[in-house]
N, C-alpha and C. Protein backbone atom coordinates (compact mmCIF):
# COMPACT_ATOMS: atom_id res chain seq x y z
N MET A 1 0.83 -1.19 0.00
CA MET A 1 0.00 0.00 0.00
C MET A 1 0.87 1.25 0.00
N ARG A 2 1.89 1.28 0.89
CA ARG A 2 2.76 2.44 0.98
C ARG A 2 3.57 2.61 -0.31
N LEU A 3 3.97 1.50 -0.95
CA LEU A 3 4.71 1.59 -2.21
C LEU A 3 3.87 2.25 -3.30
N ARG A 4 2.59 1.85 -3.39
CA ARG A 4 1.70 2.47 -4.39
C ARG A 4 1.54 3.95 -4.15
N GLU A 5 1.36 4.32 -2.90
CA GLU A 5 1.21 5.74 -2.56
C GLU A 5 2.48 6.52 -2.90
N ALA A 6 3.65 5.92 -2.59
CA ALA A 6 4.91 6.60 -2.90
C ALA A 6 5.08 6.78 -4.40
N MET A 7 4.66 5.79 -5.19
CA MET A 7 4.77 5.90 -6.64
C MET A 7 3.81 6.96 -7.16
N SER A 8 2.58 6.97 -6.67
CA SER A 8 1.60 7.94 -7.15
C SER A 8 1.98 9.37 -6.75
N GLU A 9 2.73 9.53 -5.64
CA GLU A 9 3.17 10.84 -5.20
C GLU A 9 4.48 11.27 -5.87
N GLY A 10 5.08 10.36 -6.67
CA GLY A 10 6.32 10.68 -7.36
C GLY A 10 7.57 10.51 -6.51
N ARG A 11 7.44 9.86 -5.37
CA ARG A 11 8.60 9.65 -4.49
C ARG A 11 9.52 8.55 -5.02
N ILE A 12 8.95 7.56 -5.71
CA ILE A 12 9.75 6.51 -6.34
C ILE A 12 9.29 6.35 -7.79
N THR A 13 10.18 5.84 -8.64
CA THR A 13 9.86 5.65 -10.05
C THR A 13 9.15 4.32 -10.23
N LEU A 14 8.63 4.09 -11.43
CA LEU A 14 7.97 2.81 -11.75
C LEU A 14 8.96 1.66 -11.60
N GLU A 15 10.21 1.88 -12.02
CA GLU A 15 11.24 0.85 -11.90
C GLU A 15 11.52 0.51 -10.43
N GLU A 16 11.62 1.56 -9.59
CA GLU A 16 11.82 1.33 -8.15
C GLU A 16 10.63 0.60 -7.54
N PHE A 17 9.43 0.95 -7.98
CA PHE A 17 8.22 0.29 -7.51
C PHE A 17 8.28 -1.20 -7.85
N ASP A 18 8.62 -1.52 -9.10
CA ASP A 18 8.71 -2.92 -9.51
C ASP A 18 9.77 -3.68 -8.70
N GLU A 19 10.92 -3.07 -8.51
CA GLU A 19 12.01 -3.72 -7.77
C GLU A 19 11.61 -3.97 -6.32
N ARG A 20 11.03 -2.95 -5.69
CA ARG A 20 10.63 -3.11 -4.28
C ARG A 20 9.49 -4.11 -4.14
N THR A 21 8.59 -4.14 -5.12
CA THR A 21 7.51 -5.12 -5.07
C THR A 21 8.06 -6.54 -5.14
N GLN A 22 9.06 -6.76 -5.99
CA GLN A 22 9.70 -8.08 -6.07
C GLN A 22 10.36 -8.46 -4.73
N HIS A 23 11.05 -7.49 -4.13
CA HIS A 23 11.67 -7.75 -2.82
C HIS A 23 10.60 -8.06 -1.77
N THR A 24 9.47 -7.38 -1.85
CA THR A 24 8.37 -7.63 -0.92
C THR A 24 7.87 -9.07 -1.05
N LEU A 25 7.71 -9.52 -2.26
CA LEU A 25 7.23 -10.88 -2.49
C LEU A 25 8.23 -11.93 -2.05
N GLN A 26 9.50 -11.60 -2.06
CA GLN A 26 10.55 -12.55 -1.69
C GLN A 26 10.90 -12.50 -0.20
N ALA A 27 10.43 -11.48 0.52
CA ALA A 27 10.76 -11.33 1.94
C ALA A 27 10.22 -12.49 2.75
N ARG A 28 11.02 -12.92 3.74
CA ARG A 28 10.61 -14.05 4.58
C ARG A 28 10.33 -13.64 6.02
N THR A 29 10.78 -12.45 6.42
CA THR A 29 10.57 -12.00 7.80
C THR A 29 10.03 -10.57 7.81
N ARG A 30 9.50 -10.17 8.95
CA ARG A 30 9.02 -8.79 9.09
C ARG A 30 10.17 -7.80 8.98
N GLY A 31 11.34 -8.20 9.46
CA GLY A 31 12.50 -7.33 9.38
C GLY A 31 12.88 -7.03 7.93
N GLU A 32 12.81 -8.05 7.07
CA GLU A 32 13.11 -7.84 5.65
C GLU A 32 12.06 -6.93 5.02
N LEU A 33 10.81 -7.09 5.40
CA LEU A 33 9.75 -6.23 4.87
C LEU A 33 9.95 -4.78 5.31
N ALA A 34 10.35 -4.59 6.55
CA ALA A 34 10.50 -3.23 7.08
C ALA A 34 11.58 -2.45 6.34
N THR A 35 12.62 -3.14 5.88
CA THR A 35 13.71 -2.44 5.20
C THR A 35 13.31 -1.98 3.80
N ILE A 36 12.34 -2.61 3.18
CA ILE A 36 11.93 -2.29 1.81
C ILE A 36 11.38 -0.88 1.70
N GLY A 37 10.61 -0.44 2.68
CA GLY A 37 10.02 0.90 2.63
C GLY A 37 10.49 1.80 3.74
N ALA A 38 11.65 1.49 4.34
CA ALA A 38 12.13 2.25 5.50
C ALA A 38 12.40 3.72 5.17
N ASP A 39 12.72 4.02 3.91
CA ASP A 39 13.03 5.41 3.54
C ASP A 39 11.80 6.20 3.10
N LEU A 40 10.64 5.58 3.14
CA LEU A 40 9.41 6.26 2.70
C LEU A 40 8.71 6.92 3.88
N PRO A 41 7.96 8.00 3.66
CA PRO A 41 7.22 8.64 4.75
C PRO A 41 6.25 7.64 5.40
N GLY A 42 6.16 7.74 6.71
CA GLY A 42 5.26 6.84 7.45
C GLY A 42 5.91 5.52 7.80
N ALA A 43 7.18 5.35 7.41
CA ALA A 43 7.87 4.10 7.71
C ALA A 43 8.29 4.06 9.16
N ALA A 44 8.25 2.89 9.74
CA ALA A 44 8.71 2.73 11.12
C ALA A 44 10.23 2.84 11.15
N ALA A 45 10.74 3.36 12.24
CA ALA A 45 12.19 3.53 12.36
C ALA A 45 12.89 2.19 12.48
N ARG A 46 12.22 1.21 13.09
CA ARG A 46 12.81 -0.12 13.26
C ARG A 46 11.80 -1.15 12.82
N PRO A 47 12.27 -2.35 12.47
CA PRO A 47 11.34 -3.41 12.15
C PRO A 47 10.49 -3.77 13.38
N ALA A 48 9.28 -4.23 13.13
CA ALA A 48 8.40 -4.63 14.22
C ALA A 48 8.97 -5.86 14.93
N VAL A 49 8.78 -5.92 16.24
CA VAL A 49 9.24 -7.06 17.02
C VAL A 49 8.14 -8.11 16.99
N GLU A 50 8.51 -9.30 16.60
CA GLU A 50 7.52 -10.37 16.61
C GLU A 50 7.20 -10.72 18.06
N ASP A 51 5.95 -11.08 18.34
CA ASP A 51 5.56 -11.42 19.70
C ASP A 51 6.14 -12.75 20.16
N THR A 52 6.21 -13.74 19.26
CA THR A 52 6.71 -15.05 19.60
C THR A 52 7.73 -15.51 18.56
N VAL A 53 8.86 -16.00 19.05
CA VAL A 53 9.88 -16.57 18.18
C VAL A 53 10.24 -17.95 18.72
N VAL A 54 10.33 -18.93 17.82
CA VAL A 54 10.69 -20.30 18.19
C VAL A 54 12.10 -20.58 17.70
N LEU A 55 12.96 -21.00 18.62
CA LEU A 55 14.32 -21.43 18.29
C LEU A 55 14.41 -22.92 18.59
N SER A 56 14.79 -23.72 17.59
CA SER A 56 14.83 -25.15 17.83
C SER A 56 16.05 -25.79 17.19
N GLY A 57 16.48 -26.89 17.80
CA GLY A 57 17.62 -27.63 17.28
C GLY A 57 17.55 -29.07 17.71
N ILE A 58 17.98 -29.95 16.83
CA ILE A 58 18.02 -31.38 17.11
C ILE A 58 19.46 -31.84 16.94
N VAL A 59 20.03 -32.40 18.00
CA VAL A 59 21.42 -32.85 18.02
C VAL A 59 22.35 -31.76 17.47
N GLY A 60 22.20 -30.59 18.01
CA GLY A 60 23.01 -29.45 17.58
C GLY A 60 22.89 -28.33 18.58
N SER A 61 23.35 -27.15 18.18
CA SER A 61 23.29 -26.02 19.11
C SER A 61 22.62 -24.82 18.45
N VAL A 62 21.96 -24.03 19.29
CA VAL A 62 21.33 -22.79 18.88
C VAL A 62 21.93 -21.69 19.73
N LYS A 63 22.43 -20.62 19.09
CA LYS A 63 23.08 -19.53 19.82
C LYS A 63 22.55 -18.19 19.35
N ARG A 64 22.37 -17.28 20.30
CA ARG A 64 22.05 -15.88 19.99
C ARG A 64 22.91 -15.03 20.91
N LYS A 65 23.65 -14.09 20.33
CA LYS A 65 24.45 -13.17 21.13
C LYS A 65 24.66 -11.89 20.34
N GLY A 66 25.20 -10.89 21.00
CA GLY A 66 25.42 -9.61 20.33
C GLY A 66 24.13 -8.79 20.27
N ASP A 67 23.99 -8.03 19.20
CA ASP A 67 22.84 -7.14 19.00
C ASP A 67 21.73 -7.90 18.29
N TRP A 68 20.73 -8.35 19.05
CA TRP A 68 19.59 -9.03 18.46
C TRP A 68 18.32 -8.59 19.17
N GLN A 69 17.21 -8.64 18.45
CA GLN A 69 15.91 -8.19 18.96
C GLN A 69 15.24 -9.33 19.72
N VAL A 70 14.85 -9.06 20.95
CA VAL A 70 14.23 -10.08 21.81
C VAL A 70 12.72 -9.95 21.74
N PRO A 71 12.02 -11.05 21.43
CA PRO A 71 10.55 -11.00 21.38
C PRO A 71 9.97 -11.04 22.79
N ARG A 72 8.69 -10.82 22.88
CA ARG A 72 7.98 -10.90 24.16
C ARG A 72 7.94 -12.35 24.67
N HIS A 73 7.82 -13.30 23.74
CA HIS A 73 7.71 -14.72 24.08
C HIS A 73 8.70 -15.50 23.23
N LEU A 74 9.60 -16.21 23.90
CA LEU A 74 10.63 -16.98 23.22
C LEU A 74 10.43 -18.45 23.56
N VAL A 75 10.31 -19.30 22.53
CA VAL A 75 10.14 -20.74 22.74
C VAL A 75 11.44 -21.42 22.34
N LEU A 76 12.01 -22.21 23.27
CA LEU A 76 13.26 -22.92 23.02
C LEU A 76 12.99 -24.41 22.99
N ARG A 77 13.29 -25.04 21.84
CA ARG A 77 13.12 -26.49 21.69
C ARG A 77 14.47 -27.10 21.36
N ALA A 78 14.93 -28.02 22.19
CA ALA A 78 16.21 -28.69 21.93
C ALA A 78 16.06 -30.17 22.22
N ARG A 79 16.59 -30.99 21.31
CA ARG A 79 16.63 -32.44 21.46
C ARG A 79 18.08 -32.87 21.36
N LEU A 80 18.65 -33.31 22.49
CA LEU A 80 20.04 -33.75 22.53
C LEU A 80 20.98 -32.66 22.01
N GLY A 81 20.71 -31.44 22.38
CA GLY A 81 21.54 -30.33 21.93
C GLY A 81 21.58 -29.24 22.98
N SER A 82 22.10 -28.09 22.58
CA SER A 82 22.24 -27.00 23.54
C SER A 82 21.69 -25.70 22.97
N VAL A 83 21.30 -24.83 23.90
CA VAL A 83 20.83 -23.49 23.55
C VAL A 83 21.62 -22.51 24.41
N GLU A 84 22.26 -21.54 23.75
CA GLU A 84 23.00 -20.50 24.46
C GLU A 84 22.45 -19.14 24.04
N LEU A 85 21.93 -18.40 25.02
CA LEU A 85 21.37 -17.07 24.75
C LEU A 85 22.09 -16.04 25.59
N ASP A 86 22.62 -15.02 24.94
CA ASP A 86 23.29 -13.94 25.64
C ASP A 86 22.46 -12.68 25.41
N PHE A 87 21.77 -12.22 26.45
CA PHE A 87 20.90 -11.05 26.37
C PHE A 87 21.63 -9.75 26.73
N THR A 88 22.91 -9.81 27.06
CA THR A 88 23.60 -8.63 27.59
C THR A 88 23.68 -7.48 26.60
N SER A 89 23.75 -7.74 25.29
CA SER A 89 23.78 -6.67 24.29
C SER A 89 22.53 -6.65 23.42
N ALA A 90 21.54 -7.44 23.79
CA ALA A 90 20.32 -7.55 22.99
C ALA A 90 19.41 -6.34 23.20
N ARG A 91 18.54 -6.09 22.22
CA ARG A 91 17.54 -5.03 22.32
C ARG A 91 16.27 -5.64 22.90
N ILE A 92 15.90 -5.21 24.10
CA ILE A 92 14.73 -5.76 24.79
C ILE A 92 13.76 -4.61 25.04
N GLU A 93 12.58 -4.67 24.44
CA GLU A 93 11.60 -3.59 24.55
C GLU A 93 10.45 -3.91 25.50
N HIS A 94 10.56 -5.02 26.20
CA HIS A 94 9.47 -5.46 27.09
C HIS A 94 9.98 -5.50 28.52
N ARG A 95 9.10 -5.25 29.46
CA ARG A 95 9.46 -5.35 30.89
C ARG A 95 9.53 -6.81 31.33
N VAL A 96 8.73 -7.68 30.67
CA VAL A 96 8.74 -9.11 30.99
C VAL A 96 8.92 -9.90 29.70
N VAL A 97 9.85 -10.84 29.72
CA VAL A 97 10.08 -11.74 28.60
C VAL A 97 9.81 -13.15 29.10
N THR A 98 8.91 -13.86 28.41
CA THR A 98 8.60 -15.24 28.77
C THR A 98 9.44 -16.16 27.90
N VAL A 99 10.17 -17.08 28.56
CA VAL A 99 11.00 -18.05 27.86
C VAL A 99 10.43 -19.42 28.16
N GLU A 100 9.83 -20.03 27.13
CA GLU A 100 9.21 -21.35 27.28
C GLU A 100 10.22 -22.42 26.86
N LEU A 101 10.51 -23.34 27.78
CA LEU A 101 11.49 -24.38 27.52
C LEU A 101 10.80 -25.69 27.15
N ASP A 102 11.33 -26.35 26.14
CA ASP A 102 10.92 -27.69 25.74
C ASP A 102 12.22 -28.43 25.42
N ILE A 103 12.88 -28.93 26.48
CA ILE A 103 14.23 -29.48 26.36
C ILE A 103 14.20 -30.96 26.70
N LEU A 104 14.76 -31.77 25.81
CA LEU A 104 14.87 -33.21 26.02
C LEU A 104 16.33 -33.60 25.81
N GLY A 105 17.02 -33.95 26.90
CA GLY A 105 18.41 -34.36 26.80
C GLY A 105 19.33 -33.27 26.32
N GLY A 106 19.10 -32.06 26.77
CA GLY A 106 19.94 -30.95 26.32
C GLY A 106 20.15 -29.94 27.43
N SER A 107 20.80 -28.85 27.07
CA SER A 107 21.09 -27.82 28.07
C SER A 107 20.75 -26.43 27.54
N VAL A 108 20.45 -25.55 28.49
CA VAL A 108 20.17 -24.15 28.18
C VAL A 108 21.07 -23.30 29.06
N GLU A 109 21.82 -22.40 28.44
CA GLU A 109 22.65 -21.47 29.18
C GLU A 109 22.23 -20.06 28.78
N VAL A 110 21.89 -19.25 29.77
CA VAL A 110 21.38 -17.90 29.52
C VAL A 110 22.24 -16.90 30.29
N ARG A 111 22.61 -15.81 29.62
CA ARG A 111 23.34 -14.72 30.26
C ARG A 111 22.45 -13.48 30.21
N LEU A 112 22.05 -12.98 31.38
CA LEU A 112 21.14 -11.85 31.49
C LEU A 112 21.88 -10.52 31.51
N PRO A 113 21.21 -9.44 31.10
CA PRO A 113 21.83 -8.11 31.22
C PRO A 113 21.86 -7.65 32.67
N GLU A 114 22.61 -6.59 32.89
CA GLU A 114 22.71 -5.99 34.22
C GLU A 114 21.31 -5.63 34.72
N ASP A 115 21.02 -5.87 35.98
CA ASP A 115 19.77 -5.53 36.65
C ASP A 115 18.56 -6.36 36.20
N ALA A 116 18.74 -7.34 35.34
CA ALA A 116 17.62 -8.21 34.95
C ALA A 116 17.45 -9.28 36.03
N ALA A 117 16.23 -9.80 36.12
CA ALA A 117 15.94 -10.86 37.08
C ALA A 117 15.32 -12.03 36.36
N ALA A 118 15.45 -13.20 36.96
CA ALA A 118 14.91 -14.41 36.35
C ALA A 118 14.10 -15.19 37.37
N SER A 119 13.07 -15.87 36.86
CA SER A 119 12.28 -16.78 37.68
C SER A 119 12.22 -18.11 36.95
N LEU A 120 12.71 -19.15 37.60
CA LEU A 120 12.67 -20.51 37.04
C LEU A 120 11.58 -21.35 37.69
N SER A 121 10.71 -20.71 38.47
CA SER A 121 9.70 -21.46 39.22
C SER A 121 8.65 -22.11 38.33
N GLY A 122 8.49 -21.65 37.10
CA GLY A 122 7.51 -22.24 36.19
C GLY A 122 8.04 -23.39 35.36
N VAL A 123 9.25 -23.87 35.68
CA VAL A 123 9.87 -24.94 34.89
C VAL A 123 9.71 -26.26 35.61
N GLU A 124 9.18 -27.26 34.90
CA GLU A 124 9.08 -28.62 35.42
C GLU A 124 10.35 -29.36 35.02
N VAL A 125 11.02 -29.97 36.00
CA VAL A 125 12.29 -30.65 35.75
C VAL A 125 12.15 -32.13 36.07
N ILE A 126 12.50 -32.97 35.08
CA ILE A 126 12.48 -34.42 35.26
C ILE A 126 13.88 -34.93 34.91
N LEU A 127 14.57 -35.51 35.90
CA LEU A 127 15.93 -36.00 35.70
C LEU A 127 16.86 -34.92 35.17
N GLY A 128 16.81 -33.75 35.80
CA GLY A 128 17.65 -32.65 35.35
C GLY A 128 17.80 -31.61 36.44
N SER A 129 18.17 -30.39 36.05
CA SER A 129 18.38 -29.35 37.05
C SER A 129 18.17 -27.96 36.45
N THR A 130 17.88 -27.00 37.34
CA THR A 130 17.85 -25.58 36.99
C THR A 130 18.68 -24.84 38.03
N GLU A 131 19.44 -23.84 37.59
CA GLU A 131 20.27 -23.06 38.49
C GLU A 131 20.21 -21.60 38.09
N ASP A 132 20.03 -20.72 39.08
CA ASP A 132 20.02 -19.27 38.84
C ASP A 132 21.20 -18.66 39.58
N HIS A 133 22.21 -18.21 38.84
CA HIS A 133 23.40 -17.58 39.42
C HIS A 133 23.45 -16.09 39.07
N SER A 134 22.33 -15.51 38.69
CA SER A 134 22.34 -14.15 38.14
C SER A 134 22.68 -13.06 39.16
N ARG A 135 22.33 -13.20 40.42
CA ARG A 135 22.65 -12.23 41.49
C ARG A 135 22.26 -10.81 41.13
N SER A 136 21.06 -10.62 40.68
CA SER A 136 20.63 -9.29 40.25
C SER A 136 19.67 -8.67 41.25
N SER A 137 19.65 -7.34 41.23
CA SER A 137 18.71 -6.62 42.08
C SER A 137 17.29 -6.74 41.53
N GLY A 138 17.18 -7.03 40.24
CA GLY A 138 15.87 -7.24 39.64
C GLY A 138 15.12 -5.97 39.30
N SER A 139 15.81 -4.85 39.15
CA SER A 139 15.12 -3.61 38.84
C SER A 139 14.87 -3.43 37.34
N GLY A 140 15.42 -4.32 36.52
CA GLY A 140 15.27 -4.22 35.06
C GLY A 140 14.26 -5.22 34.51
N VAL A 141 14.58 -5.77 33.37
CA VAL A 141 13.71 -6.73 32.69
C VAL A 141 13.59 -8.00 33.52
N ARG A 142 12.40 -8.58 33.51
CA ARG A 142 12.16 -9.84 34.22
C ARG A 142 11.98 -10.95 33.19
N PHE A 143 12.74 -12.04 33.35
CA PHE A 143 12.66 -13.20 32.49
C PHE A 143 11.91 -14.31 33.24
N GLU A 144 10.75 -14.68 32.71
CA GLU A 144 9.92 -15.73 33.30
C GLU A 144 10.13 -17.01 32.51
N PHE A 145 10.74 -18.02 33.12
CA PHE A 145 10.97 -19.30 32.46
C PHE A 145 9.85 -20.26 32.80
N THR A 146 9.31 -20.91 31.78
CA THR A 146 8.23 -21.89 31.94
C THR A 146 8.59 -23.12 31.11
N GLY A 147 7.76 -24.15 31.18
CA GLY A 147 7.94 -25.32 30.33
C GLY A 147 8.53 -26.50 31.05
N ARG A 148 9.28 -27.33 30.28
CA ARG A 148 9.74 -28.61 30.80
C ARG A 148 11.15 -28.93 30.32
N ILE A 149 11.92 -29.50 31.26
CA ILE A 149 13.25 -30.02 30.95
C ILE A 149 13.25 -31.48 31.36
N VAL A 150 13.58 -32.36 30.42
CA VAL A 150 13.69 -33.79 30.70
C VAL A 150 15.12 -34.21 30.40
N ALA A 151 15.80 -34.75 31.42
CA ALA A 151 17.18 -35.23 31.29
C ALA A 151 18.08 -34.13 30.74
N GLY A 152 17.95 -32.93 31.30
CA GLY A 152 18.75 -31.81 30.83
C GLY A 152 18.90 -30.77 31.92
N SER A 153 19.37 -29.58 31.54
CA SER A 153 19.61 -28.55 32.54
C SER A 153 19.40 -27.15 31.96
N ALA A 154 19.15 -26.22 32.88
CA ALA A 154 19.05 -24.81 32.53
C ALA A 154 19.85 -24.03 33.55
N GLU A 155 20.69 -23.13 33.06
CA GLU A 155 21.53 -22.32 33.93
C GLU A 155 21.43 -20.86 33.52
N VAL A 156 21.15 -19.98 34.49
CA VAL A 156 21.00 -18.55 34.25
C VAL A 156 22.12 -17.82 34.98
N ARG A 157 22.80 -16.94 34.26
CA ARG A 157 23.90 -16.17 34.84
C ARG A 157 23.71 -14.69 34.50
N GLY A 158 24.40 -13.85 35.24
CA GLY A 158 24.41 -12.42 34.95
C GLY A 158 25.46 -12.12 33.91
N PRO A 159 25.71 -10.82 33.66
CA PRO A 159 26.73 -10.46 32.66
C PRO A 159 28.12 -10.91 33.10
N LYS A 160 28.98 -11.15 32.12
CA LYS A 160 30.36 -11.52 32.44
C LYS A 160 31.04 -10.37 33.15
N ARG A 161 31.82 -10.68 34.14
CA ARG A 161 32.55 -9.67 34.91
C ARG A 161 34.00 -9.65 34.45
N SER A 162 34.53 -8.46 34.33
CA SER A 162 35.97 -8.35 34.05
C SER A 162 36.66 -7.91 35.33
N PHE A 163 37.96 -8.04 35.34
CA PHE A 163 38.71 -7.62 36.51
C PHE A 163 38.67 -6.10 36.69
N LEU A 164 38.41 -5.37 35.61
CA LEU A 164 38.37 -3.92 35.67
C LEU A 164 37.03 -3.36 36.11
N ARG A 165 35.96 -4.17 35.99
CA ARG A 165 34.63 -3.70 36.33
C ARG A 165 34.24 -4.22 37.71
N PRO A 166 33.95 -3.33 38.66
CA PRO A 166 33.59 -3.79 40.02
C PRO A 166 32.22 -4.45 40.02
N ARG A 167 32.00 -5.25 41.04
CA ARG A 167 30.72 -5.93 41.19
C ARG A 167 29.66 -5.03 41.69
């Protein structure tokens, strides 16, 4: 809709319209769609955050670190594998992030940002363990862990400490 309006207003040429329309049809994520018209009036400054994202792996590992967008609800599925999530440099726009675990014979390692808090009370553990080593005041984002771990583990830690940065 915005592409048609931009073309009718003379903001883009017919060739640009055709090219952007092709990119629109080929886009697989909301982030890819957002970049197509980001320079047009009325465009959002950032791509929309999806409410739920599923990360899954079978006999392998899933990792997220650095600058990445955190959804409101994150589903982690691992079968005989591992999941490593580092939220310390991630973009988090929600006060509460729900992390649903579906782990069978695997492990989850999570690194929280400064002042974030975690609750593992919603996790059912069968032949496994959960550990919270985050030591946070909890004044920031709250991570609510739910779901099930069978023959596996989940470990939550705070940001990495350097010798130069005081506790």
